[in-house]
Amino acid sequence: MNCLEYALGFWKKNRMYQIYYNSDHVVNLPSGSRAIGFLPIEEFGYEHMRDSFDLNDEAKETLKLYFNEA
């Protein structure tokens, strides 16, 4: 499991969190938070996130859901 798969699973259970990325690592933070060097994954776009990680089928579906709800 990679960090995006983990973050998506965490988000699916805790929707008050948002997923952030720094072009190397993905983390979950409460919505509206800021972390130095991290941006919300929406700033990178769905295609970039999908293509940057080797995601299992469940994570791919959750990523679509995340971007549809963002």
PDB file of N, CA and C in Angstrom:
ATOM      1  N   MET A   1       0.844  -1.176   0.000  1.00  0.00           N
ATOM      2  CA  MET A   1       0.000   0.000   0.000  1.00  0.00           C
ATOM      3  C   MET A   1       0.892   1.242   0.000  1.00  0.00           C
ATOM      4  N   ASN A   2       0.587   2.148  -0.903  1.00  0.00           N
ATOM      5  CA  ASN A   2       1.359   3.397  -0.940  1.00  0.00           C
ATOM      6  C   ASN A   2       0.626   4.490  -0.150  1.00  0.00           C
ATOM      7  N   CYS A   3       1.276   5.627  -0.011  1.00  0.00           N
ATOM      8  CA  CYS A   3       0.736   6.690   0.842  1.00  0.00           C
ATOM      9  C   CYS A   3      -0.585   7.251   0.319  1.00  0.00           C
ATOM     10  N   LEU A   4      -0.783   7.294  -0.995  1.00  0.00           N
ATOM     11  CA  LEU A   4      -2.051   7.791  -1.522  1.00  0.00           C
ATOM     12  C   LEU A   4      -3.171   6.798  -1.242  1.00  0.00           C
ATOM     13  N   GLU A   5      -2.905   5.512  -1.413  1.00  0.00           N
ATOM     14  CA  GLU A   5      -3.927   4.506  -1.101  1.00  0.00           C
ATOM     15  C   GLU A   5      -4.330   4.613   0.371  1.00  0.00           C
ATOM     16  N   TYR A   6      -3.353   4.755   1.246  1.00  0.00           N
ATOM     17  CA  TYR A   6      -3.646   4.897   2.668  1.00  0.00           C
ATOM     18  C   TYR A   6      -4.484   6.152   2.918  1.00  0.00           C
ATOM     19  N   ALA A   7      -4.061   7.276   2.350  1.00  0.00           N
ATOM     20  CA  ALA A   7      -4.762   8.543   2.564  1.00  0.00           C
ATOM     21  C   ALA A   7      -6.198   8.482   2.056  1.00  0.00           C
ATOM     22  N   LEU A   8      -6.408   7.823   0.930  1.00  0.00           N
ATOM     23  CA  LEU A   8      -7.759   7.694   0.395  1.00  0.00           C
ATOM     24  C   LEU A   8      -8.634   6.844   1.310  1.00  0.00           C
ATOM     25  N   GLY A   9      -8.087   5.748   1.821  1.00  0.00           N
ATOM     26  CA  GLY A   9      -8.830   4.917   2.759  1.00  0.00           C
ATOM     27  C   GLY A   9      -9.164   5.664   4.032  1.00  0.00           C
ATOM     28  N   PHE A  10      -8.220   6.455   4.525  1.00  0.00           N
ATOM     29  CA  PHE A  10      -8.436   7.263   5.725  1.00  0.00           C
ATOM     30  C   PHE A  10      -9.532   8.295   5.471  1.00  0.00           C
ATOM     31  N   TRP A  11      -9.462   8.968   4.333  1.00  0.00           N
ATOM     32  CA  TRP A  11     -10.455   9.981   3.977  1.00  0.00           C
ATOM     33  C   TRP A  11     -11.848   9.375   3.854  1.00  0.00           C
ATOM     34  N   LYS A  12     -11.921   8.187   3.288  1.00  0.00           N
ATOM     35  CA  LYS A  12     -13.220   7.533   3.089  1.00  0.00           C
ATOM     36  C   LYS A  12     -13.929   7.325   4.434  1.00  0.00           C
ATOM     37  N   LYS A  13     -13.157   7.120   5.497  1.00  0.00           N
ATOM     38  CA  LYS A  13     -13.715   6.912   6.836  1.00  0.00           C
ATOM     39  C   LYS A  13     -13.812   8.211   7.634  1.00  0.00           C
ATOM     40  N   ASN A  14     -13.083   9.231   7.226  1.00  0.00           N
ATOM     41  CA  ASN A  14     -12.999  10.505   7.963  1.00  0.00           C
ATOM     42  C   ASN A  14     -13.096  11.667   6.990  1.00  0.00           C
ATOM     43  N   ARG A  15     -14.268  11.951   6.515  1.00  0.00           N
ATOM     44  CA  ARG A  15     -14.443  12.930   5.444  1.00  0.00           C
ATOM     45  C   ARG A  15     -14.199  14.366   5.877  1.00  0.00           C
ATOM     46  N   MET A  16     -13.957  14.607   7.146  1.00  0.00           N
ATOM     47  CA  MET A  16     -13.625  15.968   7.584  1.00  0.00           C
ATOM     48  C   MET A  16     -12.160  16.284   7.298  1.00  0.00           C
ATOM     49  N   TYR A  17     -11.435  15.297   6.791  1.00  0.00           N
ATOM     50  CA  TYR A  17     -10.028  15.479   6.451  1.00  0.00           C
ATOM     51  C   TYR A  17      -9.884  15.725   4.951  1.00  0.00           C
ATOM     52  N   GLN A  18      -8.773  16.336   4.590  1.00  0.00           N
ATOM     53  CA  GLN A  18      -8.440  16.622   3.200  1.00  0.00           C
ATOM     54  C   GLN A  18      -7.082  15.975   2.925  1.00  0.00           C
ATOM     55  N   ILE A  19      -6.825  15.667   1.680  1.00  0.00           N
ATOM     56  CA  ILE A  19      -5.564  15.018   1.308  1.00  0.00           C
ATOM     57  C   ILE A  19      -4.623  16.066   0.717  1.00  0.00           C
ATOM     58  N   TYR A  20      -3.390  16.079   1.215  1.00  0.00           N
ATOM     59  CA  TYR A  20      -2.360  17.023   0.784  1.00  0.00           C
ATOM     60  C   TYR A  20      -1.165  16.258   0.207  1.00  0.00           C
ATOM     61  N   TYR A  21      -0.440  16.914  -0.696  1.00  0.00           N
ATOM     62  CA  TYR A  21       0.651  16.271  -1.435  1.00  0.00           C
ATOM     63  C   TYR A  21       1.792  17.265  -1.602  1.00  0.00           C
ATOM     64  N   ASN A  22       3.037  16.757  -1.576  1.00  0.00           N
ATOM     65  CA  ASN A  22       4.193  17.638  -1.783  1.00  0.00           C
ATOM     66  C   ASN A  22       5.071  17.156  -2.947  1.00  0.00           C
ATOM     67  N   SER A  23       4.481  16.469  -3.884  1.00  0.00           N
ATOM     68  CA  SER A  23       5.157  15.881  -5.053  1.00  0.00           C
ATOM     69  C   SER A  23       6.016  14.679  -4.685  1.00  0.00           C
ATOM     70  N   ASP A  24       5.953  14.261  -3.436  1.00  0.00           N
ATOM     71  CA  ASP A  24       6.690  13.077  -2.991  1.00  0.00           C
ATOM     72  C   ASP A  24       5.860  12.228  -2.047  1.00  0.00           C
ATOM     73  N   HIS A  25       5.108  12.868  -1.157  1.00  0.00           N
ATOM     74  CA  HIS A  25       4.378  12.147  -0.123  1.00  0.00           C
ATOM     75  C   HIS A  25       2.987  12.740   0.047  1.00  0.00           C
ATOM     76  N   VAL A  26       2.040  11.898   0.463  1.00  0.00           N
ATOM     77  CA  VAL A  26       0.650  12.292   0.671  1.00  0.00           C
ATOM     78  C   VAL A  26       0.322  12.150   2.148  1.00  0.00           C
ATOM     79  N   VAL A  27      -0.408  13.144   2.690  1.00  0.00           N
ATOM     80  CA  VAL A  27      -0.832  13.103   4.089  1.00  0.00           C
ATOM     81  C   VAL A  27      -2.288  13.553   4.190  1.00  0.00           C
ATOM     82  N   ASN A  28      -2.940  13.170   5.268  1.00  0.00           N
ATOM     83  CA  ASN A  28      -4.286  13.647   5.590  1.00  0.00           C
ATOM     84  C   ASN A  28      -4.166  14.696   6.681  1.00  0.00           C
ATOM     85  N   LEU A  29      -4.887  15.787   6.501  1.00  0.00           N
ATOM     86  CA  LEU A  29      -4.954  16.846   7.513  1.00  0.00           C
ATOM     87  C   LEU A  29      -6.402  17.312   7.609  1.00  0.00           C
ATOM     88  N   PRO A  30      -6.809  17.842   8.760  1.00  0.00           N
ATOM     89  CA  PRO A  30      -8.160  18.396   8.843  1.00  0.00           C
ATOM     90  C   PRO A  30      -8.365  19.450   7.754  1.00  0.00           C
ATOM     91  N   SER A  31      -9.555  19.489   7.192  1.00  0.00           N
ATOM     92  CA  SER A  31      -9.866  20.465   6.139  1.00  0.00           C
ATOM     93  C   SER A  31      -9.502  21.868   6.574  1.00  0.00           C
ATOM     94  N   GLY A  32      -8.909  22.609   5.665  1.00  0.00           N
ATOM     95  CA  GLY A  32      -8.511  23.982   5.940  1.00  0.00           C
ATOM     96  C   GLY A  32      -7.149  24.122   6.591  1.00  0.00           C
ATOM     97  N   SER A  33      -6.499  23.008   6.869  1.00  0.00           N
ATOM     98  CA  SER A  33      -5.166  23.053   7.482  1.00  0.00           C
ATOM     99  C   SER A  33      -4.125  23.462   6.454  1.00  0.00           C
ATOM    100  N   ARG A  34      -2.966  23.801   6.948  1.00  0.00           N
ATOM    101  CA  ARG A  34      -1.821  24.103   6.082  1.00  0.00           C
ATOM    102  C   ARG A  34      -0.612  23.376   6.621  1.00  0.00           C
ATOM    103  N   ALA A  35       0.204  22.873   5.719  1.00  0.00           N
ATOM    104  CA  ALA A  35       1.463  22.238   6.091  1.00  0.00           C
ATOM    105  C   ALA A  35       2.516  22.754   5.118  1.00  0.00           C
ATOM    106  N   ILE A  36       3.623  23.183   5.614  1.00  0.00           N
ATOM    107  CA  ILE A  36       4.672  23.766   4.774  1.00  0.00           C
ATOM    108  C   ILE A  36       5.090  22.762   3.702  1.00  0.00           C
ATOM    109  N   GLY A  37       5.007  23.198   2.461  1.00  0.00           N
ATOM    110  CA  GLY A  37       5.428  22.381   1.330  1.00  0.00           C
ATOM    111  C   GLY A  37       4.356  21.461   0.778  1.00  0.00           C
ATOM    112  N   PHE A  38       3.193  21.371   1.420  1.00  0.00           N
ATOM    113  CA  PHE A  38       2.108  20.507   0.964  1.00  0.00           C
ATOM    114  C   PHE A  38       0.963  21.347   0.418  1.00  0.00           C
ATOM    115  N   LEU A  39       0.341  20.857  -0.641  1.00  0.00           N
ATOM    116  CA  LEU A  39      -0.832  21.489  -1.229  1.00  0.00           C
ATOM    117  C   LEU A  39      -1.956  20.465  -1.301  1.00  0.00           C
ATOM    118  N   PRO A  40      -3.210  20.910  -1.306  1.00  0.00           N
ATOM    119  CA  PRO A  40      -4.308  19.968  -1.504  1.00  0.00           C
ATOM    120  C   PRO A  40      -4.143  19.259  -2.851  1.00  0.00           C
ATOM    121  N   ILE A  41      -4.483  17.980  -2.905  1.00  0.00           N
ATOM    122  CA  ILE A  41      -4.279  17.237  -4.162  1.00  0.00           C
ATOM    123  C   ILE A  41      -5.109  17.816  -5.300  1.00  0.00           C
ATOM    124  N   GLU A  42      -6.155  18.564  -4.989  1.00  0.00           N
ATOM    125  CA  GLU A  42      -6.947  19.183  -6.045  1.00  0.00           C
ATOM    126  C   GLU A  42      -6.099  20.143  -6.878  1.00  0.00           C
ATOM    127  N   GLU A  43      -5.068  20.709  -6.284  1.00  0.00           N
ATOM    128  CA  GLU A  43      -4.188  21.630  -7.015  1.00  0.00           C
ATOM    129  C   GLU A  43      -3.354  20.894  -8.070  1.00  0.00           C
ATOM    130  N   PHE A  44      -3.153  19.606  -7.881  1.00  0.00           N
ATOM    131  CA  PHE A  44      -2.385  18.801  -8.832  1.00  0.00           C
ATOM    132  C   PHE A  44      -3.295  18.197  -9.900  1.00  0.00           C
ATOM    133  N   GLY A  45      -4.543  17.963  -9.575  1.00  0.00           N
ATOM    134  CA  GLY A  45      -5.506  17.422 -10.514  1.00  0.00           C
ATOM    135  C   GLY A  45      -5.631  15.908 -10.443  1.00  0.00           C
ATOM    136  N   TYR A  46      -6.795  15.463 -10.820  1.00  0.00           N
ATOM    137  CA  TYR A  46      -7.124  14.037 -10.782  1.00  0.00           C
ATOM    138  C   TYR A  46      -6.148  13.195 -11.605  1.00  0.00           C
ATOM    139  N   GLU A  47      -5.933  13.586 -12.852  1.00  0.00           N
ATOM    140  CA  GLU A  47      -5.077  12.792 -13.743  1.00  0.00           C
ATOM    141  C   GLU A  47      -3.652  12.683 -13.212  1.00  0.00           C
ATOM    142  N   HIS A  48      -3.129  13.777 -12.694  1.00  0.00           N
ATOM    143  CA  HIS A  48      -1.764  13.752 -12.154  1.00  0.00           C
ATOM    144  C   HIS A  48      -1.669  12.772 -10.986  1.00  0.00           C
ATOM    145  N   MET A  49      -2.627  12.833 -10.073  1.00  0.00           N
ATOM    146  CA  MET A  49      -2.591  11.941  -8.916  1.00  0.00           C
ATOM    147  C   MET A  49      -2.778  10.488  -9.346  1.00  0.00           C
ATOM    148  N   ARG A  50      -3.705  10.248 -10.238  1.00  0.00           N
ATOM    149  CA  ARG A  50      -3.951   8.884 -10.736  1.00  0.00           C
ATOM    150  C   ARG A  50      -2.705   8.316 -11.407  1.00  0.00           C
ATOM    151  N   ASP A  51      -2.033   9.125 -12.195  1.00  0.00           N
ATOM    152  CA  ASP A  51      -0.888   8.643 -12.971  1.00  0.00           C
ATOM    153  C   ASP A  51       0.416   8.613 -12.172  1.00  0.00           C
ATOM    154  N   SER A  52       0.467   9.294 -11.045  1.00  0.00           N
ATOM    155  CA  SER A  52       1.695   9.364 -10.246  1.00  0.00           C
ATOM    156  C   SER A  52       1.845   8.203  -9.268  1.00  0.00           C
ATOM    157  N   PHE A  53       0.768   7.460  -9.051  1.00  0.00           N
ATOM    158  CA  PHE A  53       0.782   6.362  -8.088  1.00  0.00           C
ATOM    159  C   PHE A  53       0.218   5.101  -8.724  1.00  0.00           C
ATOM    160  N   ASP A  54       0.753   3.972  -8.328  1.00  0.00           N
ATOM    161  CA  ASP A  54       0.221   2.677  -8.742  1.00  0.00           C
ATOM    162  C   ASP A  54      -0.904   2.324  -7.766  1.00  0.00           C
ATOM    163  N   LEU A  55      -2.145   2.601  -8.163  1.00  0.00           N
ATOM    164  CA  LEU A  55      -3.284   2.440  -7.267  1.00  0.00           C
ATOM    165  C   LEU A  55      -4.041   1.148  -7.543  1.00  0.00           C
ATOM    166  N   ASN A  56      -4.545   0.527  -6.475  1.00  0.00           N
ATOM    167  CA  ASN A  56      -5.414  -0.630  -6.658  1.00  0.00           C
ATOM    168  C   ASN A  56      -6.785  -0.122  -7.103  1.00  0.00           C
ATOM    169  N   ASP A  57      -7.650  -1.038  -7.515  1.00  0.00           N
ATOM    170  CA  ASP A  57      -8.950  -0.641  -8.068  1.00  0.00           C
ATOM    171  C   ASP A  57      -9.808   0.128  -7.071  1.00  0.00           C
ATOM    172  N   GLU A  58      -9.807  -0.291  -5.814  1.00  0.00           N
ATOM    173  CA  GLU A  58     -10.598   0.406  -4.802  1.00  0.00           C
ATOM    174  C   GLU A  58     -10.106   1.843  -4.623  1.00  0.00           C
ATOM    175  N   ALA A  59      -8.801   2.035  -4.597  1.00  0.00           N
ATOM    176  CA  ALA A  59      -8.235   3.379  -4.450  1.00  0.00           C
ATOM    177  C   ALA A  59      -8.567   4.242  -5.664  1.00  0.00           C
ATOM    178  N   LYS A  60      -8.567   3.664  -6.849  1.00  0.00           N
ATOM    179  CA  LYS A  60      -8.932   4.427  -8.054  1.00  0.00           C
ATOM    180  C   LYS A  60     -10.356   4.951  -7.950  1.00  0.00           C
ATOM    181  N   GLU A  61     -11.262   4.099  -7.481  1.00  0.00           N
ATOM    182  CA  GLU A  61     -12.658   4.516  -7.320  1.00  0.00           C
ATOM    183  C   GLU A  61     -12.789   5.587  -6.236  1.00  0.00           C
ATOM    184  N   THR A  62     -12.054   5.433  -5.145  1.00  0.00           N
ATOM    185  CA  THR A  62     -12.107   6.419  -4.067  1.00  0.00           C
ATOM    186  C   THR A  62     -11.515   7.748  -4.527  1.00  0.00           C
ATOM    187  N   LEU A  63     -10.460   7.700  -5.336  1.00  0.00           N
ATOM    188  CA  LEU A  63      -9.878   8.939  -5.876  1.00  0.00           C
ATOM    189  C   LEU A  63     -10.895   9.687  -6.723  1.00  0.00           C
ATOM    190  N   LYS A  64     -11.640   8.968  -7.559  1.00  0.00           N
ATOM    191  CA  LYS A  64     -12.696   9.599  -8.351  1.00  0.00           C
ATOM    192  C   LYS A  64     -13.738  10.254  -7.443  1.00  0.00           C
ATOM    193  N   LEU A  65     -14.139   9.526  -6.403  1.00  0.00           N
ATOM    194  CA  LEU A  65     -15.122  10.038  -5.457  1.00  0.00           C
ATOM    195  C   LEU A  65     -14.588  11.289  -4.757  1.00  0.00           C
ATOM    196  N   TYR A  66     -13.338  11.243  -4.341  1.00  0.00           N
ATOM    197  CA  TYR A  66     -12.711  12.388  -3.670  1.00  0.00           C
ATOM    198  C   TYR A  66     -12.778  13.631  -4.556  1.00  0.00           C
ATOM    199  N   PHE A  67     -12.407  13.497  -5.813  1.00  0.00           N
ATOM    200  CA  PHE A  67     -12.396  14.643  -6.709  1.00  0.00           C
ATOM    201  C   PHE A  67     -13.818  15.100  -7.054  1.00  0.00           C
ATOM    202  N   ASN A  68     -14.766  14.197  -7.070  1.00  0.00           N
ATOM    203  CA  ASN A  68     -16.159  14.578  -7.323  1.00  0.00           C
ATOM    204  C   ASN A  68     -16.745  15.342  -6.154  1.00  0.00           C
ATOM    205  N   GLU A  69     -16.273  15.078  -4.926  1.00  0.00           N
ATOM    206  CA  GLU A  69     -16.791  15.752  -3.742  1.00  0.00           C
ATOM    207  C   GLU A  69     -15.993  16.996  -3.375  1.00  0.00           C
ATOM    208  N   ALA A  70     -14.825  17.174  -3.985  1.00  0.00           N
ATOM    209  CA  ALA A  70     -13.959  18.315  -3.647  1.00  0.00           C
ATOM    210  C   ALA A  70     -14.532  19.614  -4.174  1.00  0.00           C
TER     211      ALA A  70
END
